[in-house]
Amino acid sequence: MSDVEIGGATVFPEVGVALKPKKGSAVFWYNLQKNGRVDYDTQHAGCPVLVGNKWVANKWIHEFGRVQETLFFVRLGVKDIATM
């Protein structure tokens, strides 16, 4: 993340947490419960930056692979996902 003068927090409204961006920091969370169901407490949003710029990098880790995504494209009739 980068430092932001005003705004740009990442908020988790279900648990009442707001994380201000700070250069060199990172945030990590699991969005699934141990049983594989969605953990709705991890719903989050990025607040608008009012003054300054916000730079972030995202990394998604698919614990169970990309099975759901593959099934979605198969239902659409896509034969080769790599060509998309």
C-alpha atoms as a PDB file:
ATOM      1  CA  MET A   1       0.000   0.000   0.000  1.00  0.00           C
ATOM      2  CA  SER A   2       0.947   3.626  -0.214  1.00  0.00           C
ATOM      3  CA  ASP A   3       0.459   6.508   2.202  1.00  0.00           C
ATOM      4  CA  VAL A   4      -2.713   8.544   1.556  1.00  0.00           C
ATOM      5  CA  GLU A   5      -3.265  12.059   2.879  1.00  0.00           C
ATOM      6  CA  ILE A   6      -7.051  11.816   3.340  1.00  0.00           C
ATOM      7  CA  GLY A   7      -9.406   8.865   2.725  1.00  0.00           C
ATOM      8  CA  GLY A   8      -8.668   5.528   1.080  1.00  0.00           C
ATOM      9  CA  ALA A   9      -9.356   3.250   4.056  1.00  0.00           C
ATOM     10  CA  THR A  10     -10.368  -0.376   3.569  1.00  0.00           C
ATOM     11  CA  VAL A  11     -13.463  -0.949   5.697  1.00  0.00           C
ATOM     12  CA  PHE A  12     -15.027  -4.137   7.041  1.00  0.00           C
ATOM     13  CA  PRO A  13     -18.507  -2.892   8.059  1.00  0.00           C
ATOM     14  CA  GLU A  14     -19.706  -6.182   9.594  1.00  0.00           C
ATOM     15  CA  VAL A  15     -16.971  -6.047  12.248  1.00  0.00           C
ATOM     16  CA  GLY A  16     -16.544  -2.259  12.483  1.00  0.00           C
ATOM     17  CA  VAL A  17     -12.935  -2.126  11.283  1.00  0.00           C
ATOM     18  CA  ALA A  18     -11.343   0.539   9.067  1.00  0.00           C
ATOM     19  CA  LEU A  19      -7.715   0.145   7.979  1.00  0.00           C
ATOM     20  CA  LYS A  20      -5.899   3.267   6.814  1.00  0.00           C
ATOM     21  CA  PRO A  21      -3.415   2.730   3.984  1.00  0.00           C
ATOM     22  CA  LYS A  22       0.225   2.932   5.045  1.00  0.00           C
ATOM     23  CA  LYS A  23       3.197   2.556   2.734  1.00  0.00           C
ATOM     24  CA  GLY A  24       4.858  -0.840   3.103  1.00  0.00           C
ATOM     25  CA  SER A  25       1.956  -2.420   5.003  1.00  0.00           C
ATOM     26  CA  ALA A  26      -0.110  -5.436   4.028  1.00  0.00           C
ATOM     27  CA  VAL A  27      -3.487  -6.873   4.978  1.00  0.00           C
ATOM     28  CA  PHE A  28      -4.421 -10.551   4.765  1.00  0.00           C
ATOM     29  CA  TRP A  29      -7.637 -12.364   5.629  1.00  0.00           C
ATOM     30  CA  TYR A  30      -9.450 -15.599   4.905  1.00  0.00           C
ATOM     31  CA  ASN A  31     -12.855 -15.056   3.314  1.00  0.00           C
ATOM     32  CA  LEU A  32     -13.972 -18.644   3.937  1.00  0.00           C
ATOM     33  CA  GLN A  33     -14.806 -20.410   7.163  1.00  0.00           C
ATOM     34  CA  LYS A  34     -13.073 -23.717   7.963  1.00  0.00           C
ATOM     35  CA  ASN A  35     -16.077 -25.590   6.513  1.00  0.00           C
ATOM     36  CA  GLY A  36     -15.622 -23.795   3.151  1.00  0.00           C
ATOM     37  CA  ARG A  37     -18.626 -21.489   3.488  1.00  0.00           C
ATOM     38  CA  VAL A  38     -18.353 -17.761   2.860  1.00  0.00           C
ATOM     39  CA  ASP A  39     -17.448 -15.688   5.916  1.00  0.00           C
ATOM     40  CA  TYR A  40     -19.695 -12.658   5.464  1.00  0.00           C
ATOM     41  CA  ASP A  41     -17.781 -10.782   8.178  1.00  0.00           C
ATOM     42  CA  THR A  42     -14.996 -10.347   5.601  1.00  0.00           C
ATOM     43  CA  GLN A  43     -17.114  -8.283   3.207  1.00  0.00           C
ATOM     44  CA  HIS A  44     -15.137  -5.117   2.629  1.00  0.00           C
ATOM     45  CA  ALA A  45     -14.921  -1.971   0.541  1.00  0.00           C
ATOM     46  CA  GLY A  46     -12.353   0.625  -0.393  1.00  0.00           C
ATOM     47  CA  CYS A  47     -13.234   4.189   0.582  1.00  0.00           C
ATOM     48  CA  PRO A  48     -12.521   6.916  -1.958  1.00  0.00           C
ATOM     49  CA  VAL A  49      -9.222   8.760  -1.753  1.00  0.00           C
ATOM     50  CA  LEU A  50     -10.015  12.419  -1.078  1.00  0.00           C
ATOM     51  CA  VAL A  51      -6.460  13.795  -1.168  1.00  0.00           C
ATOM     52  CA  GLY A  52      -3.470  11.954  -2.618  1.00  0.00           C
ATOM     53  CA  ASN A  53      -3.134   8.617  -4.420  1.00  0.00           C
ATOM     54  CA  LYS A  54      -3.578   5.018  -3.329  1.00  0.00           C
ATOM     55  CA  TRP A  55      -1.531   2.185  -4.788  1.00  0.00           C
ATOM     56  CA  VAL A  56      -2.300  -1.416  -3.888  1.00  0.00           C
ATOM     57  CA  ALA A  57      -1.492  -4.911  -5.108  1.00  0.00           C
ATOM     58  CA  ASN A  58      -3.888  -7.850  -4.778  1.00  0.00           C
ATOM     59  CA  LYS A  59      -3.113 -11.551  -4.641  1.00  0.00           C
ATOM     60  CA  TRP A  60      -5.974 -14.035  -4.653  1.00  0.00           C
ATOM     61  CA  ILE A  61      -5.204 -17.513  -3.357  1.00  0.00           C
ATOM     62  CA  HIS A  62      -7.676 -20.175  -4.481  1.00  0.00           C
ATOM     63  CA  GLU A  63      -7.657 -22.760  -1.702  1.00  0.00           C
ATOM     64  CA  PHE A  64      -9.885 -25.146  -3.633  1.00  0.00           C
ATOM     65  CA  GLY A  65      -8.540 -24.361  -7.093  1.00  0.00           C
ATOM     66  CA  ARG A  66     -10.602 -22.632  -9.738  1.00  0.00           C
ATOM     67  CA  VAL A  67     -13.316 -25.268 -10.024  1.00  0.00           C
ATOM     68  CA  GLN A  68     -16.279 -22.882  -9.738  1.00  0.00           C
ATOM     69  CA  GLU A  69     -14.849 -20.523 -12.365  1.00  0.00           C
ATOM     70  CA  THR A  70     -14.174 -23.421 -14.733  1.00  0.00           C
ATOM     71  CA  LEU A  71     -17.734 -24.746 -14.311  1.00  0.00           C
ATOM     72  CA  PHE A  72     -19.104 -21.267 -15.061  1.00  0.00           C
ATOM     73  CA  PHE A  73     -17.242 -21.055 -18.379  1.00  0.00           C
ATOM     74  CA  VAL A  74     -18.190 -24.629 -19.312  1.00  0.00           C
ATOM     75  CA  ARG A  75     -21.859 -23.711 -18.848  1.00  0.00           C
ATOM     76  CA  LEU A  76     -21.317 -20.762 -21.204  1.00  0.00           C
ATOM     77  CA  GLY A  77     -19.895 -23.109 -23.824  1.00  0.00           C
ATOM     78  CA  VAL A  78     -16.321 -21.782 -23.636  1.00  0.00           C
ATOM     79  CA  LYS A  79     -13.999 -24.595 -24.689  1.00  0.00           C
ATOM     80  CA  ASP A  80     -10.629 -22.988 -23.928  1.00  0.00           C
ATOM     81  CA  ILE A  81     -10.522 -20.578 -20.979  1.00  0.00           C
ATOM     82  CA  ALA A  82      -6.901 -19.681 -21.771  1.00  0.00           C
ATOM     83  CA  THR A  83      -8.016 -17.894 -24.959  1.00  0.00           C
ATOM     84  CA  MET A  84     -10.176 -15.411 -23.060  1.00  0.00           C
END
